[in-house]
N, C-alpha and C. Protein backbone atom coordinates (compact mmCIF):
# COMPACT_ATOMS: atom_id res chain seq x y z
N MET A 1 16.31 6.76 -21.19
CA MET A 1 16.23 6.29 -19.93
C MET A 1 16.51 5.03 -19.72
N ALA A 2 17.37 4.42 -18.63
CA ALA A 2 17.48 3.22 -18.62
C ALA A 2 17.16 2.75 -17.00
N TYR A 3 17.29 1.46 -16.91
CA TYR A 3 16.85 0.86 -15.55
C TYR A 3 17.59 -0.61 -15.72
N ASN A 4 17.63 -0.96 -14.55
CA ASN A 4 18.13 -2.34 -14.31
C ASN A 4 17.14 -3.44 -14.81
N PRO A 5 17.08 -4.42 -15.79
CA PRO A 5 16.07 -5.12 -16.31
C PRO A 5 15.62 -6.50 -15.21
N GLY A 6 15.44 -5.96 -14.16
CA GLY A 6 15.32 -6.86 -13.05
C GLY A 6 13.93 -7.13 -12.83
N TYR A 7 12.98 -6.57 -13.98
CA TYR A 7 11.41 -6.98 -13.47
C TYR A 7 10.85 -7.96 -14.32
N ASN A 8 11.39 -9.09 -14.26
CA ASN A 8 10.89 -10.16 -14.93
C ASN A 8 9.38 -10.25 -14.53
N GLN A 9 9.03 -10.39 -13.46
CA GLN A 9 7.80 -10.17 -12.69
C GLN A 9 7.79 -9.20 -11.59
N PRO A 10 8.13 -8.17 -11.76
CA PRO A 10 8.05 -7.39 -10.61
C PRO A 10 6.62 -7.12 -9.86
N GLY A 11 6.89 -7.10 -8.80
CA GLY A 11 5.87 -7.01 -7.88
C GLY A 11 4.38 -7.55 -8.59
N SER A 12 4.55 -8.61 -8.98
CA SER A 12 3.27 -9.25 -9.70
C SER A 12 2.30 -9.59 -8.74
N GLY A 13 2.43 -9.40 -7.45
CA GLY A 13 1.49 -9.27 -6.29
C GLY A 13 0.68 -8.04 -6.02
N TYR A 14 1.24 -7.06 -7.13
CA TYR A 14 0.59 -5.72 -6.74
C TYR A 14 -0.81 -5.72 -7.20
N ASN A 15 -1.14 -6.26 -7.98
CA ASN A 15 -2.67 -6.14 -8.51
C ASN A 15 -3.35 -6.93 -7.21
N GLN A 16 -2.83 -8.00 -6.71
CA GLN A 16 -3.37 -8.57 -5.44
C GLN A 16 -2.13 -8.39 -4.46
N PRO A 17 -2.15 -7.34 -3.87
CA PRO A 17 -0.83 -7.08 -2.78
C PRO A 17 -0.33 -8.27 -2.17
N GLY A 18 0.96 -8.29 -2.59
CA GLY A 18 1.55 -9.63 -1.70
C GLY A 18 0.84 -11.15 -1.90
N SER A 19 0.75 -11.27 -3.37
CA SER A 19 0.22 -12.61 -3.59
C SER A 19 0.82 -13.72 -2.56
N GLY A 20 2.28 -13.73 -2.88
CA GLY A 20 2.90 -14.62 -2.06
C GLY A 20 2.80 -14.87 -0.58
N TYR A 21 2.00 -13.82 -0.12
CA TYR A 21 1.99 -13.77 1.16
C TYR A 21 0.18 -13.76 1.55
N ASN A 22 -0.38 -14.37 0.63
CA ASN A 22 -1.95 -14.45 0.91
C ASN A 22 -2.27 -15.52 2.00
N GLN A 23 -1.22 -16.22 2.68
CA GLN A 23 -1.50 -16.93 3.75
C GLN A 23 -0.62 -16.52 4.84
N PRO A 24 -0.74 -14.87 5.18
CA PRO A 24 -0.05 -14.37 6.26
C PRO A 24 -0.02 -15.44 7.49
N ASP A 25 0.78 -15.11 8.59
CA ASP A 25 0.85 -15.49 9.84
C ASP A 25 -0.41 -15.75 10.56
N SER A 26 -0.79 -16.30 11.66
CA SER A 26 -1.60 -16.16 12.27
C SER A 26 -2.10 -15.08 13.08
N GLY A 27 -1.27 -14.13 13.25
CA GLY A 27 -1.20 -13.07 14.10
C GLY A 27 -2.17 -12.22 13.33
N TYR A 28 -2.28 -12.19 11.71
CA TYR A 28 -2.85 -11.36 11.32
C TYR A 28 -4.37 -11.88 10.70
N ASN A 29 -4.46 -12.83 11.00
CA ASN A 29 -5.82 -13.58 10.94
C ASN A 29 -6.84 -13.62 12.31
N GLN A 30 -6.22 -13.39 13.27
CA GLN A 30 -6.82 -13.27 14.60
C GLN A 30 -7.81 -12.06 14.73
N PRO A 31 -8.83 -12.13 15.07
CA PRO A 31 -9.97 -10.89 15.24
C PRO A 31 -9.32 -10.15 16.39
N GLY A 32 -9.57 -8.70 16.07
CA GLY A 32 -9.54 -7.79 17.40
C GLY A 32 -8.91 -6.48 16.76
N TYR A 33 -8.95 -5.67 17.53
CA TYR A 33 -8.56 -4.47 16.98
C TYR A 33 -7.72 -3.68 17.93
N GLY A 34 -6.63 -2.48 17.31
CA GLY A 34 -5.78 -1.90 17.75
C GLY A 34 -6.35 -0.42 18.23
N GLY A 35 -5.96 0.41 19.22
CA GLY A 35 -6.64 1.73 19.44
C GLY A 35 -8.00 1.77 19.59
N SER A 36 -8.57 2.68 19.40
CA SER A 36 -10.18 2.89 19.86
C SER A 36 -10.83 2.22 18.87
N PRO A 37 -12.24 2.00 19.33
CA PRO A 37 -13.04 1.30 18.29
C PRO A 37 -12.91 1.78 16.83
N ALA A 38 -12.90 3.47 16.69
CA ALA A 38 -12.81 3.86 15.38
C ALA A 38 -11.59 3.94 15.01
N GLN A 39 -10.43 3.19 15.50
CA GLN A 39 -9.15 3.30 15.06
C GLN A 39 -8.56 1.96 14.65
N LEU A 40 -8.06 1.56 13.66
CA LEU A 40 -7.35 0.46 13.42
C LEU A 40 -5.69 0.70 13.60
N GLU A 41 -5.01 0.17 14.43
CA GLU A 41 -3.58 0.17 14.34
C GLU A 41 -3.02 -0.55 13.19
N ILE A 42 -2.18 0.20 12.61
CA ILE A 42 -1.57 -0.47 11.54
C ILE A 42 0.01 -0.85 11.59
N GLY A 43 0.41 -1.72 11.35
CA GLY A 43 2.12 -1.93 11.81
C GLY A 43 2.07 -3.17 12.85
N HIS A 44 1.25 -3.28 13.82
CA HIS A 44 1.39 -4.33 14.71
C HIS A 44 0.20 -5.17 14.74
N GLY A 45 0.11 -6.43 14.83
CA GLY A 45 -1.22 -7.39 14.79
C GLY A 45 -1.62 -7.17 16.27
N PRO A 46 -2.70 -8.14 16.68
CA PRO A 46 -3.58 -8.60 15.70
C PRO A 46 -4.53 -7.78 14.77
N TYR A 47 -5.17 -8.34 13.72
CA TYR A 47 -6.19 -7.55 12.92
C TYR A 47 -7.55 -8.26 12.84
N PRO A 48 -8.45 -7.44 12.51
CA PRO A 48 -9.88 -8.22 12.33
C PRO A 48 -9.76 -9.03 11.04
N SER A 49 -10.30 -10.34 11.32
CA SER A 49 -10.41 -11.30 10.03
C SER A 49 -11.32 -10.79 9.15
N MET A 50 -10.86 -11.20 8.02
CA MET A 50 -11.92 -10.74 6.57
C MET A 50 -13.29 -11.79 6.35
N GLY A 51 -14.18 -11.21 6.13
CA GLY A 51 -15.44 -12.22 5.65
C GLY A 51 -15.14 -13.16 4.48
N THR A 52 -15.89 -13.94 4.25
CA THR A 52 -16.06 -14.69 3.21
C THR A 52 -16.42 -14.12 2.19
N GLU A 53 -15.71 -14.56 1.05
CA GLU A 53 -15.77 -13.95 -0.39
C GLU A 53 -17.61 -13.71 -1.09
N GLY A 54 -17.58 -12.43 -1.03
CA GLY A 54 -18.89 -11.72 -1.54
C GLY A 54 -19.59 -11.38 -0.47
N THR A 55 -19.27 -11.53 0.71
CA THR A 55 -19.99 -11.16 2.02
C THR A 55 -19.50 -9.97 3.08
N ILE A 56 -19.99 -9.09 3.27
CA ILE A 56 -19.27 -8.18 4.29
C ILE A 56 -19.16 -8.92 5.69
N SER A 57 -18.17 -9.07 6.18
CA SER A 57 -17.99 -9.35 7.52
C SER A 57 -18.29 -8.72 8.61
N PRO A 58 -19.06 -9.17 9.81
CA PRO A 58 -19.78 -8.18 10.78
C PRO A 58 -18.58 -7.32 11.24
N GLN A 59 -17.59 -7.66 11.35
CA GLN A 59 -16.43 -7.09 11.89
C GLN A 59 -16.15 -5.89 11.16
N VAL A 60 -16.13 -6.05 9.87
CA VAL A 60 -15.71 -4.90 8.73
C VAL A 60 -16.78 -3.96 8.78
N GLN A 61 -18.23 -4.43 8.73
CA GLN A 61 -19.20 -3.58 9.07
C GLN A 61 -19.38 -2.52 10.18
N GLN A 62 -18.92 -3.35 11.36
CA GLN A 62 -18.57 -2.55 12.77
C GLN A 62 -17.77 -1.50 12.50
N TRP A 63 -16.83 -1.90 12.04
CA TRP A 63 -15.63 -0.80 11.69
C TRP A 63 -15.90 0.19 10.96
N PHE A 64 -16.44 -0.06 9.90
CA PHE A 64 -17.04 0.92 8.64
C PHE A 64 -18.26 1.76 9.32
N ASN A 65 -18.92 1.34 10.26
CA ASN A 65 -19.97 2.22 11.06
C ASN A 65 -19.38 3.13 11.78
N ALA A 66 -18.24 2.73 12.51
CA ALA A 66 -17.33 3.34 13.36
C ALA A 66 -16.61 4.65 12.92
N VAL A 67 -16.23 4.25 11.52
CA VAL A 67 -15.55 5.40 10.88
C VAL A 67 -16.25 6.21 10.27
N ASP A 68 -17.55 5.78 10.02
CA ASP A 68 -18.64 6.83 9.20
C ASP A 68 -18.91 7.52 10.16
N LYS A 69 -18.07 8.90 10.64
CA LYS A 69 -18.61 9.70 11.68
C LYS A 69 -20.23 10.39 11.50
N ASP A 70 -20.43 10.85 10.26
CA ASP A 70 -21.47 11.50 10.21
C ASP A 70 -22.63 10.73 9.58
N ARG A 71 -22.60 9.29 9.63
CA ARG A 71 -23.62 8.57 9.56
C ARG A 71 -24.15 8.51 8.05
N SER A 72 -23.35 8.92 7.04
CA SER A 72 -23.87 9.29 5.53
C SER A 72 -23.73 7.98 4.80
N GLY A 73 -23.25 6.93 5.49
CA GLY A 73 -23.28 5.67 4.66
C GLY A 73 -22.29 5.46 3.68
N PHE A 74 -21.16 6.43 3.88
CA PHE A 74 -19.87 6.85 3.05
C PHE A 74 -18.89 7.09 3.95
N ILE A 75 -17.87 6.80 3.48
CA ILE A 75 -16.62 7.13 4.19
C ILE A 75 -15.57 7.89 3.29
N THR A 76 -15.22 9.29 3.78
CA THR A 76 -14.47 10.02 3.20
C THR A 76 -12.95 9.65 3.44
N ALA A 77 -12.01 10.61 2.39
CA ALA A 77 -10.80 9.91 2.93
C ALA A 77 -9.97 10.74 4.22
N LEU A 78 -10.97 11.88 4.52
CA LEU A 78 -10.68 12.36 6.02
C LEU A 78 -11.04 11.42 6.77
N GLU A 79 -11.96 11.05 6.82
CA GLU A 79 -12.73 10.01 7.75
C GLU A 79 -11.77 8.48 7.73
N LEU A 80 -11.39 8.38 6.61
CA LEU A 80 -10.46 7.12 6.74
C LEU A 80 -8.98 7.44 7.36
N LYS A 81 -8.57 8.81 6.91
CA LYS A 81 -7.08 9.23 7.57
C LYS A 81 -7.47 9.04 9.03
N SER A 82 -8.55 9.45 9.83
CA SER A 82 -8.66 9.69 11.17
C SER A 82 -8.74 8.16 12.01
N ALA A 83 -8.98 7.19 11.11
CA ALA A 83 -9.42 5.82 11.81
C ALA A 83 -8.06 5.12 11.37
N LEU A 84 -7.16 5.36 10.48
CA LEU A 84 -5.97 4.55 10.24
C LEU A 84 -4.89 4.91 11.02
N VAL A 85 -4.31 4.17 12.07
CA VAL A 85 -3.19 4.56 12.52
C VAL A 85 -1.83 3.46 12.55
N ASN A 86 -0.82 4.20 12.31
CA ASN A 86 0.33 3.34 11.90
C ASN A 86 0.88 2.94 13.60
N ALA A 87 2.21 2.25 13.27
CA ALA A 87 2.64 1.71 14.57
C ALA A 87 3.19 2.63 15.52
N GLN A 88 3.65 3.71 15.01
CA GLN A 88 4.07 4.86 15.70
C GLN A 88 3.07 5.83 16.40
N GLY A 89 1.79 5.35 16.14
CA GLY A 89 0.58 6.00 16.61
C GLY A 89 0.23 7.31 16.16
N LYS A 90 0.60 7.53 14.88
CA LYS A 90 0.26 8.66 13.97
C LYS A 90 -0.89 8.22 12.96
N THR A 91 -1.48 9.05 12.48
CA THR A 91 -2.58 8.61 11.47
C THR A 91 -1.85 8.59 10.11
N PHE A 92 -2.47 7.74 9.35
CA PHE A 92 -2.23 7.65 7.87
C PHE A 92 -1.92 9.08 7.19
N SER A 93 -0.84 8.83 6.38
CA SER A 93 -0.70 10.42 5.57
C SER A 93 -1.97 10.73 4.61
N GLU A 94 -2.16 11.75 4.12
CA GLU A 94 -3.03 12.07 3.31
C GLU A 94 -2.73 11.52 2.10
N THR A 95 -1.55 11.43 1.79
CA THR A 95 -1.00 10.76 0.47
C THR A 95 -1.73 9.46 0.37
N ALA A 96 -1.36 8.85 1.42
CA ALA A 96 -1.83 7.33 1.47
C ALA A 96 -3.16 7.13 1.13
N CYS A 97 -3.92 7.64 1.92
CA CYS A 97 -5.52 7.88 2.15
C CYS A 97 -5.80 7.93 0.64
N SER A 98 -5.73 9.30 -0.04
CA SER A 98 -6.25 9.60 -1.00
C SER A 98 -5.64 8.73 -2.00
N LEU A 99 -4.53 8.09 -2.19
CA LEU A 99 -4.26 7.18 -3.19
C LEU A 99 -5.03 5.75 -3.15
N MET A 100 -5.37 5.40 -1.70
CA MET A 100 -6.09 4.06 -1.70
C MET A 100 -7.63 4.43 -1.78
N MET A 101 -8.07 5.58 -1.31
CA MET A 101 -9.45 5.74 -1.74
C MET A 101 -9.75 5.93 -3.30
N GLY A 102 -8.76 6.44 -4.05
CA GLY A 102 -8.92 6.58 -5.41
C GLY A 102 -9.06 5.25 -6.17
N MET A 103 -8.39 4.41 -5.56
CA MET A 103 -8.20 3.16 -6.33
C MET A 103 -9.74 2.36 -6.10
N PHE A 104 -10.48 2.44 -5.28
CA PHE A 104 -11.74 1.80 -5.02
C PHE A 104 -12.84 2.72 -5.18
N ASP A 105 -12.84 4.07 -5.16
CA ASP A 105 -13.90 4.74 -5.41
C ASP A 105 -13.97 4.83 -6.68
N LYS A 106 -14.55 3.68 -7.39
CA LYS A 106 -14.61 3.77 -8.99
C LYS A 106 -15.86 4.45 -9.42
N ASP A 107 -16.54 5.06 -8.76
CA ASP A 107 -17.79 6.07 -9.39
C ASP A 107 -17.29 7.38 -9.30
N ARG A 108 -16.24 7.56 -8.83
CA ARG A 108 -15.35 8.85 -8.39
C ARG A 108 -16.11 9.84 -7.83
N THR A 109 -16.97 9.33 -6.64
CA THR A 109 -17.82 10.44 -5.92
C THR A 109 -16.99 11.22 -4.81
N GLY A 110 -15.69 10.48 -4.76
CA GLY A 110 -14.98 11.14 -3.51
C GLY A 110 -15.07 10.60 -2.21
N HIS A 111 -15.91 9.51 -2.21
CA HIS A 111 -16.25 8.77 -0.75
C HIS A 111 -16.51 7.15 -1.39
N ILE A 112 -16.47 6.46 -0.60
CA ILE A 112 -16.56 5.21 -0.56
C ILE A 112 -17.86 4.41 -0.04
N ASN A 113 -18.66 3.43 -0.21
CA ASN A 113 -19.67 2.87 0.30
C ASN A 113 -19.05 1.64 1.13
N VAL A 114 -19.84 0.67 1.76
CA VAL A 114 -19.45 -0.20 2.44
C VAL A 114 -18.81 -1.45 1.53
N GLU A 115 -19.42 -1.47 0.49
CA GLU A 115 -18.84 -2.68 -0.73
C GLU A 115 -17.49 -2.25 -0.85
N GLU A 116 -17.24 -0.88 -1.54
CA GLU A 116 -16.02 -0.66 -1.71
C GLU A 116 -15.09 -0.44 -0.72
N PHE A 117 -15.64 -0.12 0.65
CA PHE A 117 -14.55 0.06 1.72
C PHE A 117 -14.14 -1.53 2.10
N ASP A 118 -14.92 -2.41 1.68
CA ASP A 118 -14.66 -4.13 2.13
C ASP A 118 -13.54 -4.48 1.24
N LYS A 119 -13.36 -4.03 -0.03
CA LYS A 119 -12.46 -4.15 -0.88
C LYS A 119 -11.09 -3.65 -0.57
N LEU A 120 -11.33 -2.04 -0.24
CA LEU A 120 -10.20 -1.57 0.27
C LEU A 120 -9.59 -2.03 1.63
N TYR A 121 -10.27 -2.50 2.50
CA TYR A 121 -9.90 -3.13 3.92
C TYR A 121 -9.33 -4.32 3.64
N THR A 122 -9.83 -5.21 2.74
CA THR A 122 -8.88 -6.45 2.16
C THR A 122 -7.58 -5.95 1.91
N TYR A 123 -7.60 -4.96 0.92
CA TYR A 123 -6.18 -4.66 0.12
C TYR A 123 -5.24 -4.31 1.24
N ILE A 124 -5.93 -3.39 2.22
CA ILE A 124 -5.10 -2.75 3.35
C ILE A 124 -4.55 -4.12 4.06
N ASN A 125 -5.11 -5.15 4.32
CA ASN A 125 -4.69 -6.28 5.19
C ASN A 125 -3.79 -6.99 4.49
N GLN A 126 -3.90 -7.15 3.15
CA GLN A 126 -3.07 -7.99 2.34
C GLN A 126 -1.50 -6.97 2.28
N TRP A 127 -1.63 -5.91 2.21
CA TRP A 127 -0.53 -4.96 2.34
C TRP A 127 0.43 -5.27 3.63
N LEU A 128 -0.54 -5.21 4.81
CA LEU A 128 -0.06 -5.46 6.06
C LEU A 128 0.90 -6.77 6.23
N ALA A 129 0.23 -7.81 5.49
CA ALA A 129 0.98 -9.21 5.49
C ALA A 129 2.28 -8.89 4.93
N VAL A 130 2.24 -8.23 3.88
CA VAL A 130 3.59 -8.00 3.01
C VAL A 130 4.66 -7.24 4.15
N PHE A 131 4.00 -6.01 4.66
CA PHE A 131 4.84 -5.27 5.53
C PHE A 131 5.35 -5.97 6.64
N LYS A 132 4.83 -6.78 7.32
CA LYS A 132 5.14 -7.70 8.34
C LYS A 132 6.10 -8.80 8.02
N THR A 133 6.10 -9.09 6.96
CA THR A 133 6.98 -9.99 6.13
C THR A 133 8.48 -9.47 6.40
N TYR A 134 8.53 -8.15 6.06
CA TYR A 134 9.78 -7.58 6.01
C TYR A 134 10.24 -6.76 7.02
N ASP A 135 9.32 -6.30 7.78
CA ASP A 135 9.65 -5.73 9.01
C ASP A 135 10.18 -6.76 10.07
N THR A 136 11.28 -7.26 9.81
CA THR A 136 11.86 -8.40 10.43
C THR A 136 11.97 -8.22 12.02
N ASP A 137 12.32 -6.91 12.50
CA ASP A 137 12.57 -6.68 13.73
C ASP A 137 11.40 -6.20 14.36
N GLN A 138 9.94 -6.37 13.80
CA GLN A 138 8.70 -6.27 14.52
C GLN A 138 8.99 -4.58 14.88
N SER A 139 9.45 -3.81 14.34
CA SER A 139 9.59 -2.47 14.95
C SER A 139 8.49 -1.35 14.64
N GLY A 140 7.69 -1.98 13.61
CA GLY A 140 6.53 -1.11 13.18
C GLY A 140 7.07 -0.12 12.27
N HIS A 141 8.26 -0.28 11.50
CA HIS A 141 8.57 0.43 10.33
C HIS A 141 9.63 -0.13 9.72
N ILE A 142 9.78 0.04 8.43
CA ILE A 142 10.94 -0.55 7.58
C ILE A 142 11.87 0.19 7.32
N GLU A 143 13.28 -0.36 7.66
CA GLU A 143 14.45 0.45 7.58
C GLU A 143 15.09 0.15 6.39
N GLU A 144 16.39 0.57 6.01
CA GLU A 144 17.13 0.78 4.57
C GLU A 144 17.21 -0.51 4.06
N GLU A 145 17.93 -1.46 5.06
CA GLU A 145 18.12 -2.80 4.68
C GLU A 145 17.03 -3.54 4.62
N GLU A 146 16.04 -3.26 5.32
CA GLU A 146 14.74 -4.36 5.11
C GLU A 146 14.11 -3.76 3.71
N LEU A 147 14.18 -2.56 3.44
CA LEU A 147 13.45 -2.10 2.16
C LEU A 147 14.13 -2.64 0.96
N SER A 148 15.44 -2.83 1.13
CA SER A 148 16.36 -3.53 0.27
C SER A 148 16.06 -4.98 -0.29
N LYS A 149 15.72 -5.60 1.08
CA LYS A 149 15.27 -7.07 0.70
C LYS A 149 13.79 -7.26 0.30
N ALA A 150 13.16 -6.43 0.78
CA ALA A 150 11.71 -6.33 0.39
C ALA A 150 11.54 -6.28 -1.21
N LEU A 151 12.29 -4.78 -1.61
CA LEU A 151 12.25 -4.74 -3.26
C LEU A 151 13.25 -5.98 -4.25
N SER A 152 13.98 -6.30 -3.61
CA SER A 152 14.42 -7.29 -4.31
C SER A 152 13.57 -8.54 -4.42
N THR A 153 13.08 -8.95 -3.28
CA THR A 153 12.25 -10.02 -3.16
C THR A 153 11.08 -10.00 -4.11
N MET A 154 10.77 -8.51 -4.23
CA MET A 154 9.58 -8.43 -5.19
C MET A 154 10.17 -8.44 -6.71
N GLY A 155 11.42 -8.58 -7.07
CA GLY A 155 11.88 -8.66 -8.31
C GLY A 155 12.47 -7.46 -8.92
N PHE A 156 12.73 -6.21 -8.24
CA PHE A 156 13.47 -5.13 -8.30
C PHE A 156 14.99 -5.27 -7.96
N ARG A 157 15.83 -4.89 -8.83
CA ARG A 157 17.45 -4.86 -8.60
C ARG A 157 17.72 -3.40 -8.51
N PHE A 158 17.59 -2.65 -7.57
CA PHE A 158 18.13 -1.37 -7.30
C PHE A 158 19.19 -1.21 -6.72
N SER A 159 20.19 -0.02 -7.05
CA SER A 159 21.21 -0.01 -6.49
C SER A 159 21.43 0.36 -5.07
N PRO A 160 22.41 0.06 -4.38
CA PRO A 160 22.08 0.75 -3.04
C PRO A 160 21.92 2.47 -2.91
N ASP A 161 22.52 3.08 -3.52
CA ASP A 161 22.23 4.64 -3.64
C ASP A 161 20.62 4.91 -3.98
N PHE A 162 19.98 3.97 -4.97
CA PHE A 162 18.51 4.45 -5.15
C PHE A 162 18.10 3.84 -3.84
N ILE A 163 18.48 3.01 -3.19
CA ILE A 163 17.44 2.45 -2.02
C ILE A 163 17.66 3.53 -0.86
N GLY A 164 18.60 4.13 -0.84
CA GLY A 164 19.07 5.01 0.19
C GLY A 164 18.11 6.30 -0.13
N PHE A 165 18.02 6.63 -1.57
CA PHE A 165 17.28 7.81 -1.98
C PHE A 165 15.91 7.59 -1.60
N LEU A 166 15.12 6.12 -1.75
CA LEU A 166 13.72 6.00 -1.60
C LEU A 166 13.68 5.99 0.05
N SER A 167 14.59 5.32 0.81
CA SER A 167 14.36 5.39 2.40
C SER A 167 14.51 6.83 2.82
N LYS A 168 15.20 7.64 2.29
CA LYS A 168 15.31 9.28 2.69
C LYS A 168 13.93 9.85 2.05
N ARG A 169 13.65 9.73 1.17
CA ARG A 169 12.48 10.37 0.38
C ARG A 169 11.14 10.08 1.13
N TRP A 170 10.91 8.60 1.40
CA TRP A 170 9.93 8.21 2.06
C TRP A 170 9.71 7.72 3.61
N GLY A 171 11.10 8.08 4.12
CA GLY A 171 11.18 7.58 5.61
C GLY A 171 11.23 8.80 6.61
N GLN A 172 11.19 8.96 7.67
CA GLN A 172 11.70 9.73 8.85
C GLN A 172 12.75 9.11 9.49
N ASN A 173 13.75 9.73 9.55
CA ASN A 173 15.04 9.32 10.02
C ASN A 173 15.45 7.87 9.40
N LYS A 174 15.01 7.66 7.86
CA LYS A 174 15.19 6.48 7.25
C LYS A 174 14.59 5.53 7.55
N GLN A 175 13.37 5.62 8.57
CA GLN A 175 12.22 4.74 8.87
C GLN A 175 11.02 4.87 8.37
N ILE A 176 10.59 3.84 7.29
CA ILE A 176 9.58 4.23 6.47
C ILE A 176 8.16 3.34 7.24
N SER A 177 7.31 4.20 7.52
CA SER A 177 6.01 3.72 7.99
C SER A 177 5.09 2.72 7.14
N VAL A 178 4.06 1.77 7.66
CA VAL A 178 3.43 1.15 6.82
C VAL A 178 2.68 2.16 5.73
N ASP A 179 2.17 3.25 5.77
CA ASP A 179 1.42 3.98 4.89
C ASP A 179 2.32 4.32 3.81
N ASN A 180 3.38 4.58 4.22
CA ASN A 180 4.44 5.18 3.31
C ASN A 180 5.27 4.25 2.50
N PHE A 181 5.39 2.82 2.97
CA PHE A 181 5.78 1.83 2.32
C PHE A 181 4.79 1.33 1.23
N ILE A 182 3.20 1.38 1.64
CA ILE A 182 2.31 1.26 0.51
C ILE A 182 2.51 2.38 -0.55
N VAL A 183 2.55 3.66 -0.40
CA VAL A 183 2.46 4.54 -1.36
C VAL A 183 3.77 4.38 -2.23
N LEU A 184 4.71 4.01 -1.38
CA LEU A 184 6.28 3.90 -2.34
C LEU A 184 5.98 2.51 -3.30
N CYS A 185 5.51 1.28 -2.71
CA CYS A 185 5.36 0.36 -3.68
C CYS A 185 4.45 0.43 -4.60
N ILE A 186 3.42 1.21 -4.74
CA ILE A 186 2.26 1.42 -5.47
C ILE A 186 2.92 2.37 -6.37
N GLN A 187 3.81 3.40 -6.12
CA GLN A 187 4.35 4.34 -7.09
C GLN A 187 5.40 3.64 -8.04
N ILE A 188 6.17 2.58 -7.36
CA ILE A 188 6.98 2.06 -8.05
C ILE A 188 6.38 1.21 -9.23
N GLN A 189 5.54 0.46 -8.74
CA GLN A 189 4.73 -0.60 -9.64
C GLN A 189 4.05 0.25 -10.68
N ARG A 190 3.36 1.58 -10.45
CA ARG A 190 2.86 2.31 -11.47
C ARG A 190 3.89 2.78 -12.72
N PHE A 191 5.13 3.18 -12.36
CA PHE A 191 6.13 3.58 -13.12
C PHE A 191 6.65 2.58 -14.01
N THR A 192 6.79 1.35 -13.21
CA THR A 192 7.31 0.26 -13.97
C THR A 192 6.31 -0.36 -14.71
N GLU A 193 5.07 -0.57 -14.66
CA GLU A 193 4.20 -0.64 -15.81
C GLU A 193 4.34 0.31 -16.87
N ALA A 194 4.32 1.53 -16.80
CA ALA A 194 4.50 2.59 -17.86
C ALA A 194 5.67 2.29 -18.68
N PHE A 195 6.96 2.30 -17.89
CA PHE A 195 8.31 1.62 -18.42
C PHE A 195 7.98 0.63 -19.40
N ARG A 196 7.54 -0.53 -18.93
CA ARG A 196 7.32 -1.81 -19.64
C ARG A 196 6.86 -1.66 -20.78
N VAL A 197 5.47 -0.92 -20.94
CA VAL A 197 4.75 -0.51 -22.10
C VAL A 197 5.66 -0.10 -23.06
N ARG A 198 6.77 0.93 -22.68
CA ARG A 198 7.55 1.50 -23.63
C ARG A 198 8.68 0.49 -24.01
N ASP A 199 9.23 -0.25 -23.25
CA ASP A 199 10.28 -1.35 -23.20
C ASP A 199 10.06 -2.22 -24.23
N THR A 200 9.83 -2.04 -25.49
CA THR A 200 9.14 -3.09 -26.49
C THR A 200 10.46 -3.97 -26.60
N GLN A 201 11.78 -3.85 -26.63
CA GLN A 201 12.77 -4.70 -26.78
C GLN A 201 13.24 -5.57 -25.41
N GLN A 202 12.14 -5.31 -24.31
CA GLN A 202 12.48 -5.81 -23.08
C GLN A 202 13.95 -6.03 -22.67
N ASN A 203 14.63 -4.88 -22.83
CA ASN A 203 16.15 -4.97 -22.54
C ASN A 203 16.74 -4.03 -21.47
N GLY A 204 15.58 -3.19 -21.21
CA GLY A 204 15.61 -2.31 -19.90
C GLY A 204 15.93 -0.69 -20.35
N THR A 205 15.83 -0.30 -21.65
CA THR A 205 16.03 0.80 -22.09
C THR A 205 14.91 1.35 -22.90
N VAL A 206 14.81 2.61 -22.78
CA VAL A 206 13.55 3.16 -23.89
C VAL A 206 14.07 4.61 -23.92
N THR A 207 13.65 4.98 -25.43
CA THR A 207 13.71 6.44 -25.80
C THR A 207 12.41 6.93 -25.63
N ILE A 208 12.45 8.30 -24.85
CA ILE A 208 11.23 8.71 -24.62
C ILE A 208 11.22 10.23 -25.01
N GLY A 209 10.21 10.63 -25.39
CA GLY A 209 10.00 12.03 -25.76
C GLY A 209 9.69 12.93 -24.26
N PHE A 210 10.14 14.10 -24.35
CA PHE A 210 9.79 15.15 -23.07
C PHE A 210 8.38 14.84 -22.49
N GLU A 211 7.45 15.20 -23.75
CA GLU A 211 6.03 15.16 -23.06
C GLU A 211 5.72 13.89 -22.82
N ASP A 212 6.06 12.79 -23.31
CA ASP A 212 5.69 11.43 -22.72
C ASP A 212 6.26 11.29 -21.25
N PHE A 213 7.17 11.89 -21.33
CA PHE A 213 7.80 11.50 -19.91
C PHE A 213 6.98 12.40 -18.57
N LEU A 214 6.79 13.60 -19.20
CA LEU A 214 5.68 14.45 -18.18
C LEU A 214 4.81 13.59 -18.23
N ASN A 215 3.90 13.11 -19.12
CA ASN A 215 2.82 12.29 -19.00
C ASN A 215 2.81 11.07 -17.95
N ILE A 216 4.01 10.39 -18.15
CA ILE A 216 4.26 9.26 -16.92
C ILE A 216 4.26 9.71 -15.58
N ALA A 217 5.40 10.90 -15.57
CA ALA A 217 5.68 11.54 -14.31
C ALA A 217 4.29 11.89 -13.61
N LEU A 218 3.30 12.75 -14.25
CA LEU A 218 2.32 13.19 -13.81
C LEU A 218 0.97 12.26 -13.62
N SER A 219 0.87 11.16 -14.37
CA SER A 219 -0.06 10.30 -14.23
C SER A 219 0.10 9.12 -13.37
N CYS A 220 1.57 8.96 -13.05
CA CYS A 220 1.90 7.76 -12.09
C CYS A 220 2.12 8.40 -10.80
N SER A 221 2.23 9.87 -10.75
CA SER A 221 2.44 10.33 -9.46
C SER A 221 1.12 10.28 -8.52
N VAL A 222 1.21 10.37 -7.35
CA VAL A 222 0.09 10.53 -6.41
C VAL A 222 -0.73 11.92 -6.62
């Protein structure tokens, strides 16, 4: 299996999404909500600001309380899904919500508390800054050309055919919403990390057994 060895530092900001964009433009730092009090419209600003490090901002606590419909003190993937709305007015996909919940549900309880939610909330906002950077026409979705520029800037050198495949796979009419953009990028990063471990010569080529291939596919997929 081979790939274009353009991953010198691919997506290095994926552990801290868009670390090159951790000073997003002012529209992303202005307090405010989109949609109803229990919904945050994703894909257009402005967005609630983040609290100081180590504290839960009042806005985050307020939104957590609004999303926590059953007042359990926890948020489930279903509650999260009902609260996140992309720029097309649609709720986030179940895949996106389950993926992000799993990343921050450290105790594997199937839900997150306010501290875990605060980290998730920050993570989402960081991705929004990345998304907005590449959504150059401010349409609320990423098109094929914008996706190509985004992945190239992140350090990946993919062929036009593969970009087209990604656009078709993750987009609707080749228009990728912010939730699918997040899932796509995380998936690419996971596979890249798995590939890099096996690419001991760092030449962009690995020899891989069938079971190892299945292990990568199943463990890296949502």
